[in-house]
PDB file of N, CA and C in Angstrom:
ATOM      1  N   UNK A   1     103.647 -61.711  -4.373  1.00  0.00           N
ATOM      2  CA  UNK A   1     103.444 -61.577  -2.571  1.00  0.00           C
ATOM      3  C   UNK A   1     104.886 -61.178  -1.663  1.00  0.00           C
ATOM      4  N   UNK A   2     104.369 -59.590  -0.737  1.00  0.00           N
ATOM      5  CA  UNK A   2     105.674 -59.298  -0.086  1.00  0.00           C
ATOM      6  C   UNK A   2     105.045 -59.584   1.627  1.00  0.00           C
ATOM      7  N   UNK A   3     106.037 -59.993   2.088  1.00  0.00           N
ATOM      8  CA  UNK A   3     105.916 -60.331   3.264  1.00  0.00           C
ATOM      9  C   UNK A   3     106.577 -58.813   4.264  1.00  0.00           C
ATOM     10  N   UNK A   4     105.678 -58.821   5.175  1.00  0.00           N
ATOM     11  CA  UNK A   4     106.196 -57.557   5.907  1.00  0.00           C
ATOM     12  C   UNK A   4     106.382 -58.180   7.481  1.00  0.00           C
ATOM     13  N   UNK A   5     107.348 -57.834   7.989  1.00  0.00           N
ATOM     14  CA  UNK A   5     107.491 -58.742   9.202  1.00  0.00           C
ATOM     15  C   UNK A   5     108.417 -57.747  10.030  1.00  0.00           C
ATOM     16  N   UNK A   6     107.867 -57.177  11.260  1.00  0.00           N
ATOM     17  CA  UNK A   6     108.231 -55.912  12.225  1.00  0.00           C
ATOM     18  C   UNK A   6     108.292 -56.228  13.554  1.00  0.00           C
ATOM     19  N   UNK A   7     109.484 -56.235  14.101  1.00  0.00           N
ATOM     20  CA  UNK A   7     109.835 -56.743  15.713  1.00  0.00           C
ATOM     21  C   UNK A   7     109.729 -55.329  16.402  1.00  0.00           C
ATOM     22  N   UNK A   8     109.445 -55.172  17.663  1.00  0.00           N
ATOM     23  CA  UNK A   8     109.238 -54.089  18.602  1.00  0.00           C
ATOM     24  C   UNK A   8     110.022 -54.654  19.809  1.00  0.00           C
ATOM     25  N   UNK A   9     110.740 -53.856  20.025  1.00  0.00           N
ATOM     26  CA  UNK A   9     111.248 -53.950  21.874  1.00  0.00           C
ATOM     27  C   UNK A   9     111.111 -53.169  22.643  1.00  0.00           C
ATOM     28  N   UNK A  10     110.366 -53.080  23.656  1.00  0.00           N
ATOM     29  CA  UNK A  10     109.407 -51.977  24.508  1.00  0.00           C
ATOM     30  C   UNK A  10     110.860 -52.085  25.716  1.00  0.00           C
ATOM     31  N   UNK A  11     110.770 -50.389  26.247  1.00  0.00           N
ATOM     32  CA  UNK A  11     111.865 -50.247  27.209  1.00  0.00           C
ATOM     33  C   UNK A  11     111.827 -51.164  28.548  1.00  0.00           C
ATOM     34  N   UNK A  12     113.070 -51.428  28.874  1.00  0.00           N
ATOM     35  CA  UNK A  12     113.263 -52.307  29.776  1.00  0.00           C
ATOM     36  C   UNK A  12     112.314 -51.487  31.346  1.00  0.00           C
ATOM     37  N   UNK A  13     112.382 -49.847  31.535  1.00  0.00           N
ATOM     38  CA  UNK A  13     112.104 -49.432  32.593  1.00  0.00           C
ATOM     39  C   UNK A  13     110.555 -49.601  32.531  1.00  0.00           C
ATOM     40  N   UNK A  14     109.637 -50.099  31.906  1.00  0.00           N
ATOM     41  CA  UNK A  14     108.064 -50.522  31.988  1.00  0.00           C
ATOM     42  C   UNK A  14     107.740 -51.462  32.150  1.00  0.00           C
ATOM     43  N   UNK A  15     107.171 -51.124  33.104  1.00  0.00           N
ATOM     44  CA  UNK A  15     106.588 -52.366  34.207  1.00  0.00           C
ATOM     45  C   UNK A  15     105.767 -53.965  33.042  1.00  0.00           C
ATOM     46  N   UNK A  16     105.954 -55.118  33.240  1.00  0.00           N
ATOM     47  CA  UNK A  16     105.354 -55.960  32.821  1.00  0.00           C
ATOM     48  C   UNK A  16     104.062 -55.522  32.376  1.00  0.00           C
ATOM     49  N   UNK A  17     103.089 -55.248  33.501  1.00  0.00           N
ATOM     50  CA  UNK A  17     101.818 -55.294  32.988  1.00  0.00           C
ATOM     51  C   UNK A  17     101.693 -54.057  32.180  1.00  0.00           C
ATOM     52  N   UNK A  18     102.142 -53.159  32.123  1.00  0.00           N
ATOM     53  CA  UNK A  18     102.108 -51.813  31.270  1.00  0.00           C
ATOM     54  C   UNK A  18     102.544 -52.293  29.412  1.00  0.00           C
ATOM     55  N   UNK A  19     103.519 -53.169  29.754  1.00  0.00           N
ATOM     56  CA  UNK A  19     104.019 -53.663  28.452  1.00  0.00           C
ATOM     57  C   UNK A  19     102.917 -54.635  27.820  1.00  0.00           C
ATOM     58  N   UNK A  20     102.146 -55.388  28.690  1.00  0.00           N
ATOM     59  CA  UNK A  20     101.205 -56.137  28.175  1.00  0.00           C
ATOM     60  C   UNK A  20     100.318 -55.212  27.818  1.00  0.00           C
ATOM     61  N   UNK A  21      99.789 -54.238  28.300  1.00  0.00           N
ATOM     62  CA  UNK A  21      98.525 -53.551  28.090  1.00  0.00           C
ATOM     63  C   UNK A  21      98.868 -52.719  26.686  1.00  0.00           C
ATOM     64  N   UNK A  22      99.849 -52.129  26.646  1.00  0.00           N
ATOM     65  CA  UNK A  22     100.344 -51.672  25.275  1.00  0.00           C
ATOM     66  C   UNK A  22     100.222 -52.338  24.317  1.00  0.00           C
ATOM     67  N   UNK A  23     100.982 -53.696  24.442  1.00  0.00           N
ATOM     68  CA  UNK A  23     100.712 -55.087  23.644  1.00  0.00           C
ATOM     69  C   UNK A  23      99.290 -54.965  22.933  1.00  0.00           C
ATOM     70  N   UNK A  24      98.690 -55.285  23.946  1.00  0.00           N
ATOM     71  CA  UNK A  24      96.879 -55.552  23.862  1.00  0.00           C
ATOM     72  C   UNK A  24      96.469 -54.316  22.949  1.00  0.00           C
ATOM     73  N   UNK A  25      96.927 -53.151  23.249  1.00  0.00           N
ATOM     74  CA  UNK A  25      96.033 -52.202  22.752  1.00  0.00           C
ATOM     75  C   UNK A  25      96.644 -52.210  21.197  1.00  0.00           C
ATOM     76  N   UNK A  26      97.804 -52.157  21.000  1.00  0.00           N
ATOM     77  CA  UNK A  26      98.404 -52.211  19.819  1.00  0.00           C
ATOM     78  C   UNK A  26      97.907 -53.497  18.670  1.00  0.00           C
ATOM     79  N   UNK A  27      97.945 -54.326  19.638  1.00  0.00           N
ATOM     80  CA  UNK A  27      97.254 -55.326  18.997  1.00  0.00           C
ATOM     81  C   UNK A  27      95.839 -55.488  17.882  1.00  0.00           C
ATOM     82  N   UNK A  28      95.033 -54.904  19.127  1.00  0.00           N
ATOM     83  CA  UNK A  28      93.789 -54.387  18.624  1.00  0.00           C
ATOM     84  C   UNK A  28      93.484 -53.455  17.110  1.00  0.00           C
ATOM     85  N   UNK A  29      94.290 -52.171  17.510  1.00  0.00           N
ATOM     86  CA  UNK A  29      94.603 -51.540  16.817  1.00  0.00           C
ATOM     87  C   UNK A  29      94.713 -51.897  15.191  1.00  0.00           C
ATOM     88  N   UNK A  30      96.121 -52.888  15.130  1.00  0.00           N
ATOM     89  CA  UNK A  30      96.421 -53.008  14.332  1.00  0.00           C
ATOM     90  C   UNK A  30      95.461 -54.113  13.097  1.00  0.00           C
ATOM     91  N   UNK A  31      95.021 -55.227  14.176  1.00  0.00           N
ATOM     92  CA  UNK A  31      94.346 -56.037  13.754  1.00  0.00           C
ATOM     93  C   UNK A  31      93.072 -55.523  13.090  1.00  0.00           C
ATOM     94  N   UNK A  32      92.894 -54.393  13.181  1.00  0.00           N
ATOM     95  CA  UNK A  32      91.572 -53.381  12.996  1.00  0.00           C
ATOM     96  C   UNK A  32      91.606 -52.773  11.714  1.00  0.00           C
ATOM     97  N   UNK A  33      92.892 -52.879  10.879  1.00  0.00           N
ATOM     98  CA  UNK A  33      93.402 -52.189   9.866  1.00  0.00           C
ATOM     99  C   UNK A  33      92.581 -52.816   8.473  1.00  0.00           C
ATOM    100  N   UNK A  34      92.590 -54.003   8.485  1.00  0.00           N
ATOM    101  CA  UNK A  34      91.940 -54.628   6.823  1.00  0.00           C
ATOM    102  C   UNK A  34      91.101 -53.866   7.025  1.00  0.00           C
ATOM    103  N   UNK A  35      89.809 -53.782   7.446  1.00  0.00           N
ATOM    104  CA  UNK A  35      88.688 -53.588   7.496  1.00  0.00           C
ATOM    105  C   UNK A  35      88.899 -51.723   7.075  1.00  0.00           C
ATOM    106  N   UNK A  36      89.994 -50.631   6.904  1.00  0.00           N
ATOM    107  CA  UNK A  36      89.976 -49.788   6.231  1.00  0.00           C
ATOM    108  C   UNK A  36      91.302 -49.616   5.461  1.00  0.00           C
ATOM    109  N   UNK A  37      92.303 -50.356   5.569  1.00  0.00           N
ATOM    110  CA  UNK A  37      93.149 -50.486   4.137  1.00  0.00           C
ATOM    111  C   UNK A  37      93.072 -51.736   3.779  1.00  0.00           C
ATOM    112  N   UNK A  38      92.327 -51.578   2.452  1.00  0.00           N
ATOM    113  CA  UNK A  38      92.043 -52.732   1.513  1.00  0.00           C
ATOM    114  C   UNK A  38      93.504 -53.676   0.567  1.00  0.00           C
ATOM    115  N   UNK A  39      94.717 -52.882   1.373  1.00  0.00           N
ATOM    116  CA  UNK A  39      95.504 -53.341   0.647  1.00  0.00           C
ATOM    117  C   UNK A  39      96.453 -54.281   1.425  1.00  0.00           C
ATOM    118  N   UNK A  40      96.167 -54.614   2.599  1.00  0.00           N
ATOM    119  CA  UNK A  40      96.140 -55.683   3.246  1.00  0.00           C
ATOM    120  C   UNK A  40      95.658 -57.058   3.156  1.00  0.00           C
ATOM    121  N   UNK A  41      96.710 -57.955   2.700  1.00  0.00           N
ATOM    122  CA  UNK A  41      96.081 -59.255   2.466  1.00  0.00           C
ATOM    123  C   UNK A  41      95.391 -59.882   3.725  1.00  0.00           C
ATOM    124  N   UNK A  42      97.032 -59.804   4.865  1.00  0.00           N
ATOM    125  CA  UNK A  42      96.714 -60.578   5.953  1.00  0.00           C
ATOM    126  C   UNK A  42      97.335 -59.949   7.101  1.00  0.00           C
ATOM    127  N   UNK A  43      96.935 -59.933   8.523  1.00  0.00           N
ATOM    128  CA  UNK A  43      97.998 -59.266   9.318  1.00  0.00           C
ATOM    129  C   UNK A  43      97.502 -59.916  10.614  1.00  0.00           C
ATOM    130  N   UNK A  44      98.910 -60.002  11.576  1.00  0.00           N
ATOM    131  CA  UNK A  44      98.395 -60.358  12.924  1.00  0.00           C
ATOM    132  C   UNK A  44      99.467 -59.707  13.830  1.00  0.00           C
ATOM    133  N   UNK A  45      99.528 -59.791  15.272  1.00  0.00           N
ATOM    134  CA  UNK A  45     100.277 -59.133  16.084  1.00  0.00           C
ATOM    135  C   UNK A  45     100.104 -60.002  17.171  1.00  0.00           C
ATOM    136  N   UNK A  46     101.469 -60.562  17.423  1.00  0.00           N
ATOM    137  CA  UNK A  46     101.726 -61.408  18.792  1.00  0.00           C
ATOM    138  C   UNK A  46     102.669 -61.270  19.415  1.00  0.00           C
ATOM    139  N   UNK A  47     102.179 -61.314  20.909  1.00  0.00           N
ATOM    140  CA  UNK A  47     102.808 -60.641  22.096  1.00  0.00           C
ATOM    141  C   UNK A  47     103.921 -61.559  22.418  1.00  0.00           C
ATOM    142  N   UNK A  48     105.080 -61.571  22.802  1.00  0.00           N
ATOM    143  CA  UNK A  48     106.272 -62.775  22.871  1.00  0.00           C
ATOM    144  C   UNK A  48     105.722 -63.354  24.218  1.00  0.00           C
ATOM    145  N   UNK A  49     105.714 -64.578  24.378  1.00  0.00           N
ATOM    146  CA  UNK A  49     105.218 -65.399  25.769  1.00  0.00           C
ATOM    147  C   UNK A  49     106.586 -65.725  26.410  1.00  0.00           C
ATOM    148  N   UNK A  50     107.695 -65.665  25.771  1.00  0.00           N
ATOM    149  CA  UNK A  50     108.910 -66.086  26.423  1.00  0.00           C
ATOM    150  C   UNK A  50     109.820 -65.092  26.740  1.00  0.00           C
ATOM    151  N   UNK A  51     109.828 -65.192  28.065  1.00  0.00           N
ATOM    152  CA  UNK A  51     110.434 -64.534  29.181  1.00  0.00           C
ATOM    153  C   UNK A  51     112.228 -64.105  28.636  1.00  0.00           C
ATOM    154  N   UNK A  52     112.655 -64.963  28.102  1.00  0.00           N
ATOM    155  CA  UNK A  52     114.276 -65.264  27.762  1.00  0.00           C
ATOM    156  C   UNK A  52     114.270 -64.316  26.641  1.00  0.00           C
ATOM    157  N   UNK A  53     113.459 -63.958  25.996  1.00  0.00           N
ATOM    158  CA  UNK A  53     113.902 -63.498  24.544  1.00  0.00           C
ATOM    159  C   UNK A  53     113.844 -61.777  24.650  1.00  0.00           C
ATOM    160  N   UNK A  54     114.042 -61.329  24.032  1.00  0.00           N
ATOM    161  CA  UNK A  54     114.264 -59.715  24.172  1.00  0.00           C
ATOM    162  C   UNK A  54     113.299 -58.922  23.292  1.00  0.00           C
ATOM    163  N   UNK A  55     112.773 -59.196  22.150  1.00  0.00           N
ATOM    164  CA  UNK A  55     111.835 -58.672  21.572  1.00  0.00           C
ATOM    165  C   UNK A  55     110.623 -59.171  22.037  1.00  0.00           C
ATOM    166  N   UNK A  56     109.517 -57.766  22.270  1.00  0.00           N
ATOM    167  CA  UNK A  56     107.946 -57.975  22.795  1.00  0.00           C
ATOM    168  C   UNK A  56     107.044 -58.238  22.154  1.00  0.00           C
ATOM    169  N   UNK A  57     106.973 -58.014  20.861  1.00  0.00           N
ATOM    170  CA  UNK A  57     105.885 -57.877  20.038  1.00  0.00           C
ATOM    171  C   UNK A  57     106.361 -57.962  18.486  1.00  0.00           C
ATOM    172  N   UNK A  58     105.862 -59.079  17.924  1.00  0.00           N
ATOM    173  CA  UNK A  58     105.821 -59.192  16.376  1.00  0.00           C
ATOM    174  C   UNK A  58     104.541 -59.148  15.534  1.00  0.00           C
ATOM    175  N   UNK A  59     104.668 -58.179  14.485  1.00  0.00           N
ATOM    176  CA  UNK A  59     103.600 -57.676  13.338  1.00  0.00           C
ATOM    177  C   UNK A  59     103.950 -58.728  12.134  1.00  0.00           C
ATOM    178  N   UNK A  60     103.238 -59.742  11.891  1.00  0.00           N
ATOM    179  CA  UNK A  60     103.222 -60.269  10.513  1.00  0.00           C
ATOM    180  C   UNK A  60     102.194 -59.860   9.812  1.00  0.00           C
ATOM    181  N   UNK A  61     102.613 -59.428   8.315  1.00  0.00           N
ATOM    182  CA  UNK A  61     101.664 -59.027   7.630  1.00  0.00           C
ATOM    183  C   UNK A  61     101.837 -59.501   6.083  1.00  0.00           C
ATOM    184  N   UNK A  62     100.753 -59.493   4.798  1.00  0.00           N
ATOM    185  CA  UNK A  62     101.036 -59.815   3.616  1.00  0.00           C
ATOM    186  C   UNK A  62     100.252 -58.724   2.968  1.00  0.00           C
ATOM    187  N   UNK A  63     101.350 -58.408   1.753  1.00  0.00           N
ATOM    188  CA  UNK A  63     100.728 -57.705   0.867  1.00  0.00           C
ATOM    189  C   UNK A  63     100.896 -57.686  -0.657  1.00  0.00           C
ATOM    190  N   UNK A  64     100.438 -57.593  -1.390  1.00  0.00           N
ATOM    191  CA  UNK A  64     100.334 -57.732  -3.029  1.00  0.00           C
ATOM    192  C   UNK A  64     102.112 -57.290  -3.614  1.00  0.00           C
ATOM    193  N   UNK A  65     102.061 -55.911  -3.205  1.00  0.00           N
ATOM    194  CA  UNK A  65     103.314 -55.571  -3.939  1.00  0.00           C
ATOM    195  C   UNK A  65     104.013 -54.628  -2.627  1.00  0.00           C
ATOM    196  N   UNK A  66     105.388 -54.159  -2.997  1.00  0.00           N
ATOM    197  CA  UNK A  66     106.188 -53.296  -1.564  1.00  0.00           C
ATOM    198  C   UNK A  66     105.337 -51.648  -2.152  1.00  0.00           C
ATOM    199  N   UNK A  67     104.501 -51.369  -2.850  1.00  0.00           N
ATOM    200  CA  UNK A  67     104.067 -50.392  -3.150  1.00  0.00           C
ATOM    201  C   UNK A  67     102.689 -50.472  -2.271  1.00  0.00           C
ATOM    202  N   UNK A  68     102.271 -51.676  -2.246  1.00  0.00           N
ATOM    203  CA  UNK A  68     101.010 -51.438  -1.040  1.00  0.00           C
ATOM    204  C   UNK A  68     101.753 -51.755   0.276  1.00  0.00           C
ATOM    205  N   UNK A  69     102.448 -52.114   0.771  1.00  0.00           N
ATOM    206  CA  UNK A  69     103.333 -51.817   1.944  1.00  0.00           C
ATOM    207  C   UNK A  69     103.567 -50.410   2.255  1.00  0.00           C
ATOM    208  N   UNK A  70     104.153 -49.790   1.307  1.00  0.00           N
ATOM    209  CA  UNK A  70     104.262 -48.334   1.293  1.00  0.00           C
ATOM    210  C   UNK A  70     103.251 -47.428   1.642  1.00  0.00           C
ATOM    211  N   UNK A  71     101.980 -47.756   0.946  1.00  0.00           N
ATOM    212  CA  UNK A  71     100.715 -46.931   1.292  1.00  0.00           C
ATOM    213  C   UNK A  71     100.382 -47.606   2.576  1.00  0.00           C
ATOM    214  N   UNK A  72     100.231 -48.509   3.085  1.00  0.00           N
ATOM    215  CA  UNK A  72      99.807 -48.815   4.289  1.00  0.00           C
ATOM    216  C   UNK A  72     100.595 -48.131   5.718  1.00  0.00           C
ATOM    217  N   UNK A  73     102.035 -48.349   5.677  1.00  0.00           N
ATOM    218  CA  UNK A  73     102.617 -47.488   6.306  1.00  0.00           C
ATOM    219  C   UNK A  73     102.559 -46.327   6.433  1.00  0.00           C
ATOM    220  N   UNK A  74     102.146 -45.635   5.352  1.00  0.00           N
ATOM    221  CA  UNK A  74     101.866 -44.047   5.142  1.00  0.00           C
ATOM    222  C   UNK A  74     100.309 -43.724   5.862  1.00  0.00           C
ATOM    223  N   UNK A  75      99.265 -44.691   5.805  1.00  0.00           N
ATOM    224  CA  UNK A  75      97.922 -44.490   5.670  1.00  0.00           C
ATOM    225  C   UNK A  75      97.869 -44.027   7.482  1.00  0.00           C
ATOM    226  N   UNK A  76      96.781 -42.768   7.371  1.00  0.00           N
ATOM    227  CA  UNK A  76      96.557 -42.338   8.701  1.00  0.00           C
ATOM    228  C   UNK A  76      96.165 -43.014  10.103  1.00  0.00           C
ATOM    229  N   UNK A  77      95.466 -44.304   9.830  1.00  0.00           N
ATOM    230  CA  UNK A  77      94.977 -45.292  10.819  1.00  0.00           C
ATOM    231  C   UNK A  77      96.378 -46.052  11.030  1.00  0.00           C
ATOM    232  N   UNK A  78      97.255 -46.244  10.111  1.00  0.00           N
ATOM    233  CA  UNK A  78      98.215 -47.155  10.669  1.00  0.00           C
ATOM    234  C   UNK A  78      99.272 -46.601  11.376  1.00  0.00           C
ATOM    235  N   UNK A  79      99.299 -45.193  11.077  1.00  0.00           N
ATOM    236  CA  UNK A  79     100.130 -44.160  11.463  1.00  0.00           C
ATOM    237  C   UNK A  79      99.699 -43.821  12.916  1.00  0.00           C
ATOM    238  N   UNK A  80      98.499 -43.869  13.456  1.00  0.00           N
ATOM    239  CA  UNK A  80      97.759 -43.691  14.711  1.00  0.00           C
ATOM    240  C   UNK A  80      98.233 -44.923  15.633  1.00  0.00           C
ATOM    241  N   UNK A  81      97.881 -46.210  15.082  1.00  0.00           N
ATOM    242  CA  UNK A  81      97.931 -47.145  15.668  1.00  0.00           C
ATOM    243  C   UNK A  81      99.735 -47.423  15.954  1.00  0.00           C
ATOM    244  N   UNK A  82     100.773 -46.714  15.444  1.00  0.00           N
ATOM    245  CA  UNK A  82     102.017 -46.884  15.326  1.00  0.00           C
ATOM    246  C   UNK A  82     102.355 -45.875  16.945  1.00  0.00           C
ATOM    247  N   UNK A  83     101.450 -44.981  17.140  1.00  0.00           N
ATOM    248  CA  UNK A  83     101.467 -43.947  17.926  1.00  0.00           C
ATOM    249  C   UNK A  83     101.430 -44.520  19.344  1.00  0.00           C
ATOM    250  N   UNK A  84     100.897 -45.557  19.477  1.00  0.00           N
ATOM    251  CA  UNK A  84     100.252 -46.426  20.891  1.00  0.00           C
ATOM    252  C   UNK A  84     101.778 -46.824  21.318  1.00  0.00           C
ATOM    253  N   UNK A  85     102.841 -47.152  20.498  1.00  0.00           N
ATOM    254  CA  UNK A  85     103.946 -47.844  21.031  1.00  0.00           C
ATOM    255  C   UNK A  85     105.217 -46.584  20.982  1.00  0.00           C
ATOM    256  N   UNK A  86     104.590 -45.476  20.382  1.00  0.00           N
ATOM    257  CA  UNK A  86     106.112 -44.772  20.167  1.00  0.00           C
ATOM    258  C   UNK A  86     106.710 -44.027  21.393  1.00  0.00           C
ATOM    259  N   UNK A  87     106.497 -43.911  22.510  1.00  0.00           N
ATOM    260  CA  UNK A  87     106.932 -43.319  23.647  1.00  0.00           C
ATOM    261  C   UNK A  87     107.664 -44.530  24.430  1.00  0.00           C
ATOM    262  N   UNK A  88     106.770 -45.607  24.107  1.00  0.00           N
ATOM    263  CA  UNK A  88     107.336 -47.106  25.030  1.00  0.00           C
ATOM    264  C   UNK A  88     108.372 -47.791  24.084  1.00  0.00           C
ATOM    265  N   UNK A  89     108.858 -47.597  22.898  1.00  0.00           N
ATOM    266  CA  UNK A  89     109.597 -48.343  21.962  1.00  0.00           C
ATOM    267  C   UNK A  89     110.950 -48.038  22.118  1.00  0.00           C
ATOM    268  N   UNK A  90     111.742 -48.922  22.542  1.00  0.00           N
ATOM    269  CA  UNK A  90     112.988 -48.904  22.715  1.00  0.00           C
ATOM    270  C   UNK A  90     113.779 -49.090  20.814  1.00  0.00           C
ATOM    271  N   UNK A  91     113.438 -50.032  20.315  1.00  0.00           N
ATOM    272  CA  UNK A  91     113.931 -50.475  19.124  1.00  0.00           C
ATOM    273  C   UNK A  91     112.623 -51.252  18.608  1.00  0.00           C
ATOM    274  N   UNK A  92     113.265 -51.282  16.890  1.00  0.00           N
ATOM    275  CA  UNK A  92     112.367 -51.676  15.890  1.00  0.00           C
ATOM    276  C   UNK A  92     113.267 -52.352  14.880  1.00  0.00           C
ATOM    277  N   UNK A  93     113.081 -53.561  14.647  1.00  0.00           N
ATOM    278  CA  UNK A  93     113.376 -54.207  13.203  1.00  0.00           C
ATOM    279  C   UNK A  93     112.560 -54.904  11.807  1.00  0.00           C
ATOM    280  N   UNK A  94     113.011 -54.577  10.958  1.00  0.00           N
ATOM    281  CA  UNK A  94     111.542 -54.746   9.794  1.00  0.00           C
ATOM    282  C   UNK A  94     112.415 -55.315   8.789  1.00  0.00           C
ATOM    283  N   UNK A  95     112.126 -56.529   8.178  1.00  0.00           N
ATOM    284  CA  UNK A  95     112.146 -57.082   6.901  1.00  0.00           C
ATOM    285  C   UNK A  95     110.827 -57.409   6.283  1.00  0.00           C
ATOM    286  N   UNK A  96     110.815 -56.781   5.220  1.00  0.00           N
ATOM    287  CA  UNK A  96     110.171 -56.910   4.103  1.00  0.00           C
ATOM    288  C   UNK A  96     110.653 -57.815   2.627  1.00  0.00           C
ATOM    289  N   UNK A  97     110.225 -59.093   2.421  1.00  0.00           N
ATOM    290  CA  UNK A  97     110.508 -60.199   1.474  1.00  0.00           C
ATOM    291  C   UNK A  97     109.403 -60.397   0.516  1.00  0.00           C
ATOM    292  N   UNK A  98     110.250 -60.810  -0.696  1.00  0.00           N
ATOM    293  CA  UNK A  98     108.730 -61.129  -1.742  1.00  0.00           C
ATOM    294  C   UNK A  98     109.136 -62.480  -2.095  1.00  0.00           C
ATOM    295  N   UNK A  99     108.082 -63.171  -2.045  1.00  0.00           N
ATOM    296  CA  UNK A  99     107.735 -64.720  -2.472  1.00  0.00           C
ATOM    297  C   UNK A  99     107.453 -64.879  -4.010  1.00  0.00           C
TER     298      UNK A  99
END
């Protein structure tokens, strides 16, 4: 099993209400993907509730193989979901590890 974890930091210049709205829109789009991409074993998006931390959004997902992660990452529905944050994103961090 491969765990795929991604963190997103949104631009400081974006008002908090807009960050929240973007986060909810992104969460809904990502969490709808298992119905479209069978390679996803589990996926969830969390919006950071701790104002003392700098990362705004966490994405956690599970796949059988790294090839499945690559398939997911290039799937048109995933690419479309990613565009929700494209203009608002300041930074992204990702870790893929195998159990």
